[in-house]
Amino acid sequence: MPSYGTGEAAPRTPTAAPAPEMAAEERALLDGGPAHGTLLRVRDRPAVVQVTYPCRTEDGSAPFRVDALYVYRRDPRVHHEPLRYGYDHASP
């Protein structure tokens, strides 16, 4: 029998935490730009997708990597598969 007024709580039975639900992947289509027509899978409908393309440096011994960056933004009017991401000309 629990004791009331002593500040002691009855012991609890441990329970497993529910597993987080995984968002389903959806197909997406890149429209315009250098990756035009590429189909990919996205999760959680990201607003922006970045596409990179490796660039060759003239000095092959450079300690870094140079990539060209292309940005695609999700078309909010498309609510079914394939989602559509349009090339953003103004983004770096």
PDB file of N, CA and C in Angstrom:
ATOM      1  N   MET A   1       0.844  -1.162   0.000  1.00  0.00           N
ATOM      2  CA  MET A   1       0.000   0.000   0.000  1.00  0.00           C
ATOM      3  C   MET A   1       0.896   1.234   0.000  1.00  0.00           C
ATOM      4  N   PRO A   2       0.628   2.209  -0.921  1.00  0.00           N
ATOM      5  CA  PRO A   2       1.469   3.396  -0.974  1.00  0.00           C
ATOM      6  C   PRO A   2       1.248   4.263   0.246  1.00  0.00           C
ATOM      7  N   SER A   3       2.288   4.932   0.631  1.00  0.00           N
ATOM      8  CA  SER A   3       2.220   5.833   1.769  1.00  0.00           C
ATOM      9  C   SER A   3       1.950   7.238   1.254  1.00  0.00           C
ATOM     10  N   TYR A   4       0.899   7.858   1.723  1.00  0.00           N
ATOM     11  CA  TYR A   4       0.544   9.202   1.281  1.00  0.00           C
ATOM     12  C   TYR A   4       1.122  10.226   2.238  1.00  0.00           C
ATOM     13  N   GLY A   5       1.617  11.331   1.633  1.00  0.00           N
ATOM     14  CA  GLY A   5       2.123  12.410   2.459  1.00  0.00           C
ATOM     15  C   GLY A   5       3.584  12.277   2.838  1.00  0.00           C
ATOM     16  N   THR A   6       4.251  11.220   2.404  1.00  0.00           N
ATOM     17  CA  THR A   6       5.655  11.063   2.752  1.00  0.00           C
ATOM     18  C   THR A   6       6.582  11.495   1.622  1.00  0.00           C
ATOM     19  N   GLY A   7       6.037  11.824   0.430  1.00  0.00           N
ATOM     20  CA  GLY A   7       6.850  12.214  -0.705  1.00  0.00           C
ATOM     21  C   GLY A   7       7.381  11.041  -1.501  1.00  0.00           C
ATOM     22  N   GLU A   8       7.021   9.855  -1.102  1.00  0.00           N
ATOM     23  CA  GLU A   8       7.482   8.674  -1.826  1.00  0.00           C
ATOM     24  C   GLU A   8       6.441   8.284  -2.858  1.00  0.00           C
ATOM     25  N   ALA A   9       6.918   7.984  -4.052  1.00  0.00           N
ATOM     26  CA  ALA A   9       6.016   7.559  -5.120  1.00  0.00           C
ATOM     27  C   ALA A   9       6.122   6.055  -5.277  1.00  0.00           C
ATOM     28  N   ALA A  10       5.052   5.467  -5.704  1.00  0.00           N
ATOM     29  CA  ALA A  10       5.066   4.031  -5.973  1.00  0.00           C
ATOM     30  C   ALA A  10       6.009   3.761  -7.142  1.00  0.00           C
ATOM     31  N   PRO A  11       6.725   2.657  -7.100  1.00  0.00           N
ATOM     32  CA  PRO A  11       7.644   2.353  -8.197  1.00  0.00           C
ATOM     33  C   PRO A  11       6.892   2.180  -9.507  1.00  0.00           C
ATOM     34  N   ARG A  12       7.529   2.637 -10.601  1.00  0.00           N
ATOM     35  CA  ARG A  12       6.915   2.524 -11.924  1.00  0.00           C
ATOM     36  C   ARG A  12       7.543   1.374 -12.688  1.00  0.00           C
ATOM     37  N   THR A  13       6.727   0.769 -13.508  1.00  0.00           N
ATOM     38  CA  THR A  13       7.230  -0.285 -14.380  1.00  0.00           C
ATOM     39  C   THR A  13       7.822   0.379 -15.619  1.00  0.00           C
ATOM     40  N   PRO A  14       9.098   0.091 -15.937  1.00  0.00           N
ATOM     41  CA  PRO A  14       9.685   0.722 -17.115  1.00  0.00           C
ATOM     42  C   PRO A  14       8.985   0.270 -18.388  1.00  0.00           C
ATOM     43  N   THR A  15       8.837   1.198 -19.312  1.00  0.00           N
ATOM     44  CA  THR A  15       8.234   0.876 -20.605  1.00  0.00           C
ATOM     45  C   THR A  15       9.192   1.317 -21.695  1.00  0.00           C
ATOM     46  N   ALA A  16       9.132   0.651 -22.808  1.00  0.00           N
ATOM     47  CA  ALA A  16       9.986   1.006 -23.940  1.00  0.00           C
ATOM     48  C   ALA A  16       9.434   2.257 -24.604  1.00  0.00           C
ATOM     49  N   ALA A  17      10.354   3.148 -25.000  1.00  0.00           N
ATOM     50  CA  ALA A  17       9.937   4.354 -25.720  1.00  0.00           C
ATOM     51  C   ALA A  17       9.475   3.953 -27.112  1.00  0.00           C
ATOM     52  N   PRO A  18       8.450   4.605 -27.592  1.00  0.00           N
ATOM     53  CA  PRO A  18       7.980   4.259 -28.936  1.00  0.00           C
ATOM     54  C   PRO A  18       9.037   4.627 -29.979  1.00  0.00           C
ATOM     55  N   ALA A  19       9.152   3.802 -30.981  1.00  0.00           N
ATOM     56  CA  ALA A  19      10.122   4.064 -32.050  1.00  0.00           C
ATOM     57  C   ALA A  19       9.650   5.266 -32.867  1.00  0.00           C
ATOM     58  N   PRO A  20      10.569   6.178 -33.199  1.00  0.00           N
ATOM     59  CA  PRO A  20      10.159   7.328 -34.009  1.00  0.00           C
ATOM     60  C   PRO A  20       9.716   6.847 -35.379  1.00  0.00           C
ATOM     61  N   GLU A  21       8.658   7.434 -35.868  1.00  0.00           N
ATOM     62  CA  GLU A  21       8.151   7.034 -37.171  1.00  0.00           C
ATOM     63  C   GLU A  21       9.053   7.608 -38.247  1.00  0.00           C
ATOM     64  N   MET A  22       9.378   6.786 -39.187  1.00  0.00           N
ATOM     65  CA  MET A  22      10.216   7.219 -40.288  1.00  0.00           C
ATOM     66  C   MET A  22       9.311   7.796 -41.373  1.00  0.00           C
ATOM     67  N   ALA A  23       9.693   8.956 -41.872  1.00  0.00           N
ATOM     68  CA  ALA A  23       8.924   9.553 -42.951  1.00  0.00           C
ATOM     69  C   ALA A  23       9.146   8.733 -44.220  1.00  0.00           C
ATOM     70  N   ALA A  24       8.109   8.571 -44.975  1.00  0.00           N
ATOM     71  CA  ALA A  24       8.219   7.805 -46.211  1.00  0.00           C
ATOM     72  C   ALA A  24       9.018   8.589 -47.241  1.00  0.00           C
ATOM     73  N   GLU A  25       9.781   7.872 -48.020  1.00  0.00           N
ATOM     74  CA  GLU A  25      10.506   8.509 -49.106  1.00  0.00           C
ATOM     75  C   GLU A  25       9.551   8.746 -50.261  1.00  0.00           C
ATOM     76  N   GLU A  26       9.793   9.837 -50.979  1.00  0.00           N
ATOM     77  CA  GLU A  26       8.985  10.163 -52.145  1.00  0.00           C
ATOM     78  C   GLU A  26       9.914  10.408 -53.325  1.00  0.00           C
ATOM     79  N   ARG A  27       9.413  10.130 -54.517  1.00  0.00           N
ATOM     80  CA  ARG A  27      10.183  10.420 -55.714  1.00  0.00           C
ATOM     81  C   ARG A  27      10.114  11.907 -56.012  1.00  0.00           C
ATOM     82  N   ALA A  28      11.210  12.441 -56.520  1.00  0.00           N
ATOM     83  CA  ALA A  28      11.275  13.852 -56.885  1.00  0.00           C
ATOM     84  C   ALA A  28      11.990  13.978 -58.217  1.00  0.00           C
ATOM     85  N   LEU A  29      11.625  14.998 -58.971  1.00  0.00           N
ATOM     86  CA  LEU A  29      12.187  15.252 -60.287  1.00  0.00           C
ATOM     87  C   LEU A  29      12.848  16.612 -60.281  1.00  0.00           C
ATOM     88  N   LEU A  30      14.100  16.680 -60.753  1.00  0.00           N
ATOM     89  CA  LEU A  30      14.800  17.963 -60.868  1.00  0.00           C
ATOM     90  C   LEU A  30      14.509  18.527 -62.244  1.00  0.00           C
ATOM     91  N   ASP A  31      14.091  19.802 -62.269  1.00  0.00           N
ATOM     92  CA  ASP A  31      13.651  20.444 -63.501  1.00  0.00           C
ATOM     93  C   ASP A  31      14.550  21.642 -63.800  1.00  0.00           C
ATOM     94  N   GLY A  32      15.210  21.618 -64.943  1.00  0.00           N
ATOM     95  CA  GLY A  32      16.090  22.709 -65.348  1.00  0.00           C
ATOM     96  C   GLY A  32      17.496  22.512 -64.808  1.00  0.00           C
ATOM     97  N   GLY A  33      18.380  23.416 -65.208  1.00  0.00           N
ATOM     98  CA  GLY A  33      19.747  23.384 -64.708  1.00  0.00           C
ATOM     99  C   GLY A  33      20.532  22.171 -65.163  1.00  0.00           C
ATOM    100  N   PRO A  34      21.701  21.975 -64.585  1.00  0.00           N
ATOM    101  CA  PRO A  34      22.587  20.899 -65.030  1.00  0.00           C
ATOM    102  C   PRO A  34      22.101  19.490 -64.701  1.00  0.00           C
ATOM    103  N   ALA A  35      21.202  19.338 -63.743  1.00  0.00           N
ATOM    104  CA  ALA A  35      20.708  18.008 -63.367  1.00  0.00           C
ATOM    105  C   ALA A  35      19.289  17.770 -63.881  1.00  0.00           C
ATOM    106  N   HIS A  36      18.890  18.518 -64.912  1.00  0.00           N
ATOM    107  CA  HIS A  36      17.534  18.419 -65.463  1.00  0.00           C
ATOM    108  C   HIS A  36      17.166  16.966 -65.767  1.00  0.00           C
ATOM    109  N   GLY A  37      15.983  16.562 -65.303  1.00  0.00           N
ATOM    110  CA  GLY A  37      15.471  15.227 -65.572  1.00  0.00           C
ATOM    111  C   GLY A  37      15.912  14.159 -64.590  1.00  0.00           C
ATOM    112  N   THR A  38      16.741  14.519 -63.621  1.00  0.00           N
ATOM    113  CA  THR A  38      17.206  13.544 -62.642  1.00  0.00           C
ATOM    114  C   THR A  38      16.087  13.194 -61.675  1.00  0.00           C
ATOM    115  N   LEU A  39      15.863  11.901 -61.482  1.00  0.00           N
ATOM    116  CA  LEU A  39      14.896  11.428 -60.498  1.00  0.00           C
ATOM    117  C   LEU A  39      15.652  11.014 -59.245  1.00  0.00           C
ATOM    118  N   LEU A  40      15.127  11.375 -58.096  1.00  0.00           N
ATOM    119  CA  LEU A  40      15.752  11.003 -56.833  1.00  0.00           C
ATOM    120  C   LEU A  40      14.685  10.743 -55.796  1.00  0.00           C
ATOM    121  N   ARG A  41      15.099  10.277 -54.641  1.00  0.00           N
ATOM    122  CA  ARG A  41      14.187  10.045 -53.524  1.00  0.00           C
ATOM    123  C   ARG A  41      14.514  11.033 -52.423  1.00  0.00           C
ATOM    124  N   VAL A  42      13.470  11.655 -51.860  1.00  0.00           N
ATOM    125  CA  VAL A  42      13.641  12.606 -50.762  1.00  0.00           C
ATOM    126  C   VAL A  42      12.769  12.164 -49.599  1.00  0.00           C
ATOM    127  N   ARG A  43      13.137  12.610 -48.423  1.00  0.00           N
ATOM    128  CA  ARG A  43      12.387  12.306 -47.209  1.00  0.00           C
ATOM    129  C   ARG A  43      12.000  13.630 -46.563  1.00  0.00           C
ATOM    130  N   ASP A  44      10.797  13.752 -46.075  1.00  0.00           N
ATOM    131  CA  ASP A  44      10.293  14.947 -45.376  1.00  0.00           C
ATOM    132  C   ASP A  44      10.143  16.163 -46.273  1.00  0.00           C
ATOM    133  N   ARG A  45      10.070  15.983 -47.568  1.00  0.00           N
ATOM    134  CA  ARG A  45       9.842  17.073 -48.522  1.00  0.00           C
ATOM    135  C   ARG A  45      10.709  18.306 -48.246  1.00  0.00           C
ATOM    136  N   PRO A  46      12.027  18.193 -48.346  1.00  0.00           N
ATOM    137  CA  PRO A  46      12.877  19.357 -48.077  1.00  0.00           C
ATOM    138  C   PRO A  46      12.555  20.494 -49.039  1.00  0.00           C
ATOM    139  N   ALA A  47      12.696  21.727 -48.570  1.00  0.00           N
ATOM    140  CA  ALA A  47      12.401  22.897 -49.394  1.00  0.00           C
ATOM    141  C   ALA A  47      13.465  23.109 -50.466  1.00  0.00           C
ATOM    142  N   VAL A  48      14.697  22.701 -50.169  1.00  0.00           N
ATOM    143  CA  VAL A  48      15.814  22.936 -51.077  1.00  0.00           C
ATOM    144  C   VAL A  48      16.629  21.648 -51.216  1.00  0.00           C
ATOM    145  N   VAL A  49      17.080  21.381 -52.431  1.00  0.00           N
ATOM    146  CA  VAL A  49      17.991  20.279 -52.702  1.00  0.00           C
ATOM    147  C   VAL A  49      19.227  20.882 -53.357  1.00  0.00           C
ATOM    148  N   GLN A  50      20.404  20.495 -52.876  1.00  0.00           N
ATOM    149  CA  GLN A  50      21.655  20.980 -53.456  1.00  0.00           C
ATOM    150  C   GLN A  50      22.282  19.865 -54.291  1.00  0.00           C
ATOM    151  N   VAL A  51      22.741  20.244 -55.463  1.00  0.00           N
ATOM    152  CA  VAL A  51      23.440  19.327 -56.342  1.00  0.00           C
ATOM    153  C   VAL A  51      24.852  19.869 -56.498  1.00  0.00           C
ATOM    154  N   THR A  52      25.841  19.025 -56.315  1.00  0.00           N
ATOM    155  CA  THR A  52      27.223  19.467 -56.498  1.00  0.00           C
ATOM    156  C   THR A  52      27.865  18.674 -57.621  1.00  0.00           C
ATOM    157  N   TYR A  53      28.799  19.325 -58.264  1.00  0.00           N
ATOM    158  CA  TYR A  53      29.543  18.697 -59.337  1.00  0.00           C
ATOM    159  C   TYR A  53      31.011  19.010 -59.114  1.00  0.00           C
ATOM    160  N   PRO A  54      31.872  17.983 -59.048  1.00  0.00           N
ATOM    161  CA  PRO A  54      33.287  18.240 -58.761  1.00  0.00           C
ATOM    162  C   PRO A  54      33.961  18.997 -59.904  1.00  0.00           C
ATOM    163  N   CYS A  55      34.779  19.964 -59.536  1.00  0.00           N
ATOM    164  CA  CYS A  55      35.562  20.732 -60.499  1.00  0.00           C
ATOM    165  C   CYS A  55      37.020  20.292 -60.402  1.00  0.00           C
ATOM    166  N   ARG A  56      37.696  20.275 -61.512  1.00  0.00           N
ATOM    167  CA  ARG A  56      39.117  19.925 -61.514  1.00  0.00           C
ATOM    168  C   ARG A  56      39.940  21.181 -61.283  1.00  0.00           C
ATOM    169  N   THR A  57      40.887  21.089 -60.386  1.00  0.00           N
ATOM    170  CA  THR A  57      41.805  22.208 -60.172  1.00  0.00           C
ATOM    171  C   THR A  57      43.008  22.026 -61.095  1.00  0.00           C
ATOM    172  N   GLU A  58      43.614  23.130 -61.499  1.00  0.00           N
ATOM    173  CA  GLU A  58      44.778  23.048 -62.379  1.00  0.00           C
ATOM    174  C   GLU A  58      45.967  22.479 -61.641  1.00  0.00           C
ATOM    175  N   ASP A  59      46.015  22.734 -60.339  1.00  0.00           N
ATOM    176  CA  ASP A  59      47.073  22.168 -59.522  1.00  0.00           C
ATOM    177  C   ASP A  59      46.513  20.906 -58.876  1.00  0.00           C
ATOM    178  N   GLY A  60      46.845  19.762 -59.422  1.00  0.00           N
ATOM    179  CA  GLY A  60      46.291  18.495 -58.952  1.00  0.00           C
ATOM    180  C   GLY A  60      46.638  18.147 -57.518  1.00  0.00           C
ATOM    181  N   SER A  61      47.597  18.857 -56.927  1.00  0.00           N
ATOM    182  CA  SER A  61      47.990  18.535 -55.557  1.00  0.00           C
ATOM    183  C   SER A  61      47.307  19.426 -54.524  1.00  0.00           C
ATOM    184  N   ALA A  62      46.249  20.114 -54.915  1.00  0.00           N
ATOM    185  CA  ALA A  62      45.542  20.994 -53.978  1.00  0.00           C
ATOM    186  C   ALA A  62      45.014  20.181 -52.808  1.00  0.00           C
ATOM    187  N   PRO A  63      45.151  20.693 -51.560  1.00  0.00           N
ATOM    188  CA  PRO A  63      44.696  19.943 -50.386  1.00  0.00           C
ATOM    189  C   PRO A  63      43.189  20.067 -50.136  1.00  0.00           C
ATOM    190  N   PHE A  64      42.465  20.574 -51.082  1.00  0.00           N
ATOM    191  CA  PHE A  64      41.025  20.764 -50.909  1.00  0.00           C
ATOM    192  C   PHE A  64      40.307  20.305 -52.171  1.00  0.00           C
ATOM    193  N   ARG A  65      39.003  20.287 -52.072  1.00  0.00           N
ATOM    194  CA  ARG A  65      38.153  19.885 -53.192  1.00  0.00           C
ATOM    195  C   ARG A  65      37.289  21.075 -53.580  1.00  0.00           C
ATOM    196  N   VAL A  66      37.075  21.263 -54.859  1.00  0.00           N
ATOM    197  CA  VAL A  66      36.243  22.355 -55.348  1.00  0.00           C
ATOM    198  C   VAL A  66      35.030  21.743 -56.038  1.00  0.00           C
ATOM    199  N   ASP A  67      33.836  22.188 -55.634  1.00  0.00           N
ATOM    200  CA  ASP A  67      32.602  21.703 -56.241  1.00  0.00           C
ATOM    201  C   ASP A  67      31.779  22.879 -56.730  1.00  0.00           C
ATOM    202  N   ALA A  68      31.132  22.708 -57.865  1.00  0.00           N
ATOM    203  CA  ALA A  68      30.135  23.671 -58.327  1.00  0.00           C
ATOM    204  C   ALA A  68      28.835  23.324 -57.602  1.00  0.00           C
ATOM    205  N   LEU A  69      28.139  24.319 -57.102  1.00  0.00           N
ATOM    206  CA  LEU A  69      26.928  24.115 -56.316  1.00  0.00           C
ATOM    207  C   LEU A  69      25.719  24.615 -57.089  1.00  0.00           C
ATOM    208  N   TYR A  70      24.718  23.763 -57.205  1.00  0.00           N
ATOM    209  CA  TYR A  70      23.476  24.119 -57.873  1.00  0.00           C
ATOM    210  C   TYR A  70      22.337  23.881 -56.887  1.00  0.00           C
ATOM    211  N   VAL A  71      21.394  24.815 -56.851  1.00  0.00           N
ATOM    212  CA  VAL A  71      20.290  24.747 -55.895  1.00  0.00           C
ATOM    213  C   VAL A  71      18.975  24.547 -56.642  1.00  0.00           C
ATOM    214  N   TYR A  72      18.175  23.621 -56.124  1.00  0.00           N
ATOM    215  CA  TYR A  72      16.844  23.351 -56.659  1.00  0.00           C
ATOM    216  C   TYR A  72      15.841  23.554 -55.530  1.00  0.00           C
ATOM    217  N   ARG A  73      14.769  24.291 -55.818  1.00  0.00           N
ATOM    218  CA  ARG A  73      13.742  24.575 -54.811  1.00  0.00           C
ATOM    219  C   ARG A  73      12.461  23.817 -55.139  1.00  0.00           C
ATOM    220  N   ARG A  74      11.829  23.301 -54.080  1.00  0.00           N
ATOM    221  CA  ARG A  74      10.592  22.521 -54.255  1.00  0.00           C
ATOM    222  C   ARG A  74       9.458  23.412 -54.722  1.00  0.00           C
ATOM    223  N   ASP A  75       8.717  22.932 -55.683  1.00  0.00           N
ATOM    224  CA  ASP A  75       7.533  23.627 -56.181  1.00  0.00           C
ATOM    225  C   ASP A  75       6.389  23.335 -55.220  1.00  0.00           C
ATOM    226  N   PRO A  76       5.921  24.326 -54.449  1.00  0.00           N
ATOM    227  CA  PRO A  76       4.891  24.074 -53.433  1.00  0.00           C
ATOM    228  C   PRO A  76       3.522  23.713 -54.015  1.00  0.00           C
ATOM    229  N   ARG A  77       3.349  23.891 -55.318  1.00  0.00           N
ATOM    230  CA  ARG A  77       2.063  23.567 -55.944  1.00  0.00           C
ATOM    231  C   ARG A  77       1.917  22.079 -56.236  1.00  0.00           C
ATOM    232  N   VAL A  78       3.020  21.340 -56.190  1.00  0.00           N
ATOM    233  CA  VAL A  78       2.988  19.910 -56.493  1.00  0.00           C
ATOM    234  C   VAL A  78       2.899  19.136 -55.179  1.00  0.00           C
ATOM    235  N   HIS A  79       1.811  18.374 -55.010  1.00  0.00           N
ATOM    236  CA  HIS A  79       1.573  17.642 -53.763  1.00  0.00           C
ATOM    237  C   HIS A  79       1.588  16.130 -53.947  1.00  0.00           C
ATOM    238  N   HIS A  80       1.935  15.651 -55.127  1.00  0.00           N
ATOM    239  CA  HIS A  80       1.937  14.219 -55.404  1.00  0.00           C
ATOM    240  C   HIS A  80       3.259  13.843 -56.056  1.00  0.00           C
ATOM    241  N   GLU A  81       3.540  12.564 -56.093  1.00  0.00           N
ATOM    242  CA  GLU A  81       4.778  12.094 -56.710  1.00  0.00           C
ATOM    243  C   GLU A  81       4.682  12.155 -58.223  1.00  0.00           C
ATOM    244  N   PRO A  82       5.744  12.460 -58.907  1.00  0.00           N
ATOM    245  CA  PRO A  82       6.996  12.914 -58.336  1.00  0.00           C
ATOM    246  C   PRO A  82       6.899  14.385 -57.942  1.00  0.00           C
ATOM    247  N   LEU A  83       7.486  14.699 -56.784  1.00  0.00           N
ATOM    248  CA  LEU A  83       7.587  16.099 -56.397  1.00  0.00           C
ATOM    249  C   LEU A  83       8.469  16.785 -57.424  1.00  0.00           C
ATOM    250  N   ARG A  84       8.347  18.089 -57.521  1.00  0.00           N
ATOM    251  CA  ARG A  84       9.135  18.805 -58.530  1.00  0.00           C
ATOM    252  C   ARG A  84      10.022  19.840 -57.858  1.00  0.00           C
ATOM    253  N   TYR A  85      11.289  19.826 -58.211  1.00  0.00           N
ATOM    254  CA  TYR A  85      12.256  20.803 -57.734  1.00  0.00           C
ATOM    255  C   TYR A  85      12.790  21.564 -58.939  1.00  0.00           C
ATOM    256  N   GLY A  86      12.581  22.878 -58.944  1.00  0.00           N
ATOM    257  CA  GLY A  86      13.028  23.699 -60.051  1.00  0.00           C
ATOM    258  C   GLY A  86      14.378  24.330 -59.782  1.00  0.00           C
ATOM    259  N   TYR A  87      15.176  24.441 -60.828  1.00  0.00           N
ATOM    260  CA  TYR A  87      16.512  25.028 -60.737  1.00  0.00           C
ATOM    261  C   TYR A  87      16.396  26.502 -60.371  1.00  0.00           C
ATOM    262  N   ASP A  88      17.171  26.930 -59.394  1.00  0.00           N
ATOM    263  CA  ASP A  88      17.180  28.329 -58.941  1.00  0.00           C
ATOM    264  C   ASP A  88      18.408  29.009 -59.556  1.00  0.00           C
ATOM    265  N   HIS A  89      18.204  29.823 -60.579  1.00  0.00           N
ATOM    266  CA  HIS A  89      19.301  30.491 -61.281  1.00  0.00           C
ATOM    267  C   HIS A  89      20.043  31.491 -60.402  1.00  0.00           C
ATOM    268  N   ALA A  90      19.351  32.058 -59.433  1.00  0.00           N
ATOM    269  CA  ALA A  90      19.932  33.117 -58.611  1.00  0.00           C
ATOM    270  C   ALA A  90      20.749  32.609 -57.429  1.00  0.00           C
ATOM    271  N   SER A  91      20.621  31.351 -57.098  1.00  0.00           N
ATOM    272  CA  SER A  91      21.342  30.835 -55.926  1.00  0.00           C
ATOM    273  C   SER A  91      22.794  30.516 -56.278  1.00  0.00           C
ATOM    274  N   PRO A  92      23.660  30.663 -55.300  1.00  0.00           N
ATOM    275  CA  PRO A  92      25.079  30.364 -55.553  1.00  0.00           C
ATOM    276  C   PRO A  92      25.302  28.877 -55.749  1.00  0.00           C
TER     277      PRO A  92
END
